[in-house]
Amino acid sequence: MKLIFIVYNISIEAEVQKLLQEQKVDCFTQWPRLYGQGQTTGPRMDTNVWPGANSALMAVVEDAQAPTLMNAIQQLRDGEAKREGIKAFQLPVEAMTGKI
């Protein structure tokens, strides 16, 4: 199993949710509002000086689904989300309670 951790600008929430539906990712945990700074996007602190915020979510998927999901996120990043920002990280899941 793999954990996919995605951080993205809140302005592309609809696109990310659509991607998850298309990739049949129906179980995830989301942090709706985060502040931070990326290498190319600059600070997003939800203030007058540094407007904007990010969101993040994580999903645990089967090993076979992970490359397809990461590829779909990369396509979104290369396309309509290029200006707004999205980044994904893939991590191994060594153990988990319950089922996927």
Protein backbone atom coordinates (compact mmCIF):
# COMPACT_ATOMS: atom_id res chain seq x y z
CA MET A 1 0.00 0.00 0.00
CA LYS A 2 1.04 3.59 -0.62
CA LEU A 3 0.11 6.84 1.05
CA ILE A 4 -0.35 9.69 -1.41
CA PHE A 5 -0.05 13.10 0.25
CA ILE A 6 -1.23 16.01 -1.90
CA VAL A 7 -0.79 19.73 -1.16
CA TYR A 8 -2.54 22.19 -3.46
CA ASN A 9 -3.88 25.72 -3.74
CA ILE A 10 -7.47 25.94 -2.48
CA SER A 11 -8.44 27.59 -5.76
CA ILE A 12 -8.19 24.20 -7.54
CA GLU A 13 -10.27 22.25 -5.00
CA ALA A 14 -12.87 21.28 -7.63
CA GLU A 15 -10.20 19.98 -10.00
CA VAL A 16 -8.57 17.89 -7.26
CA GLN A 17 -11.92 16.42 -6.17
CA LYS A 18 -12.75 15.58 -9.80
CA LEU A 19 -9.35 13.89 -10.18
CA LEU A 20 -10.01 11.79 -7.06
CA GLN A 21 -13.41 10.71 -8.40
CA GLU A 22 -11.95 9.82 -11.80
CA GLN A 23 -9.19 7.81 -10.12
CA LYS A 24 -11.74 6.06 -7.88
CA VAL A 25 -10.17 7.38 -4.68
CA ASP A 26 -13.14 7.51 -2.36
CA CYS A 27 -11.39 7.35 1.02
CA PHE A 28 -9.16 10.21 2.08
CA THR A 29 -8.44 12.63 4.90
CA GLN A 30 -8.33 16.34 4.13
CA TRP A 31 -6.90 19.39 5.85
CA PRO A 32 -8.97 22.19 4.31
CA ARG A 33 -6.79 25.21 5.04
CA LEU A 34 -3.00 25.29 5.40
CA TYR A 35 -0.44 28.06 5.23
CA GLY A 36 3.06 27.76 3.86
CA GLN A 37 5.53 28.56 1.16
CA GLY A 38 6.62 26.61 -1.89
CA GLN A 39 9.76 26.83 -3.95
CA THR A 40 8.04 28.44 -6.93
CA THR A 41 4.68 29.62 -5.56
CA GLY A 42 5.78 31.94 -2.78
CA PRO A 43 4.09 32.35 0.60
CA ARG A 44 0.41 31.59 1.05
CA MET A 45 -0.44 32.84 4.52
CA ASP A 46 -4.06 33.97 3.98
CA THR A 47 -3.20 37.56 4.89
CA ASN A 48 -3.38 40.88 3.04
CA VAL A 49 0.36 40.77 2.46
CA TRP A 50 0.51 37.09 1.48
CA PRO A 51 -2.96 36.13 0.22
CA GLY A 52 -4.09 32.60 -0.51
CA ALA A 53 -4.00 29.30 1.29
CA ASN A 54 -3.45 25.65 0.52
CA SER A 55 -5.31 22.48 1.25
CA ALA A 56 -3.90 19.00 1.71
CA LEU A 57 -5.20 15.50 1.65
CA MET A 58 -3.90 12.00 2.04
CA ALA A 59 -5.20 8.75 0.68
CA VAL A 60 -3.97 5.21 1.09
CA VAL A 61 -4.19 3.22 -2.13
CA GLU A 62 -3.09 -0.18 -3.36
CA ASP A 63 0.41 -0.37 -4.82
CA ALA A 64 -0.94 -0.90 -8.34
CA GLN A 65 -3.09 2.26 -8.19
CA ALA A 66 -0.33 4.58 -6.92
CA PRO A 67 1.53 5.17 -10.23
CA THR A 68 -1.70 5.94 -12.08
CA LEU A 69 -2.80 8.37 -9.38
CA MET A 70 0.61 10.08 -9.26
CA ASN A 71 0.59 10.38 -13.06
CA ALA A 72 -2.88 11.98 -13.01
CA ILE A 73 -1.70 14.48 -10.39
CA GLN A 74 1.38 15.26 -12.49
CA GLN A 75 -0.84 15.88 -15.53
CA LEU A 76 -2.98 18.27 -13.49
CA ARG A 77 0.20 19.98 -12.27
CA ASP A 78 1.54 20.32 -15.82
CA GLY A 79 -1.78 21.59 -17.14
CA GLU A 80 -4.43 23.79 -15.56
CA ALA A 81 -2.88 23.75 -12.08
CA LYS A 82 0.58 24.88 -13.19
CA ARG A 83 0.08 28.46 -12.06
CA GLU A 84 -1.83 27.66 -8.86
CA GLY A 85 0.30 24.82 -7.56
CA ILE A 86 -0.12 21.19 -6.61
CA LYS A 87 2.44 18.73 -5.34
CA ALA A 88 2.13 15.06 -4.39
CA PHE A 89 4.31 12.76 -2.35
CA GLN A 90 4.20 8.95 -2.36
CA LEU A 91 5.17 7.09 0.80
CA PRO A 92 5.12 3.40 1.71
CA VAL A 93 2.53 2.22 4.23
CA GLU A 94 4.16 -0.39 6.42
CA ALA A 95 1.10 -1.17 8.53
CA MET A 96 -2.47 -0.03 8.88
CA THR A 97 -5.42 -0.86 11.08
CA GLY A 98 -8.64 -1.74 9.33
CA LYS A 99 -8.96 -2.11 5.58
CA ILE A 100 -8.55 0.11 2.55
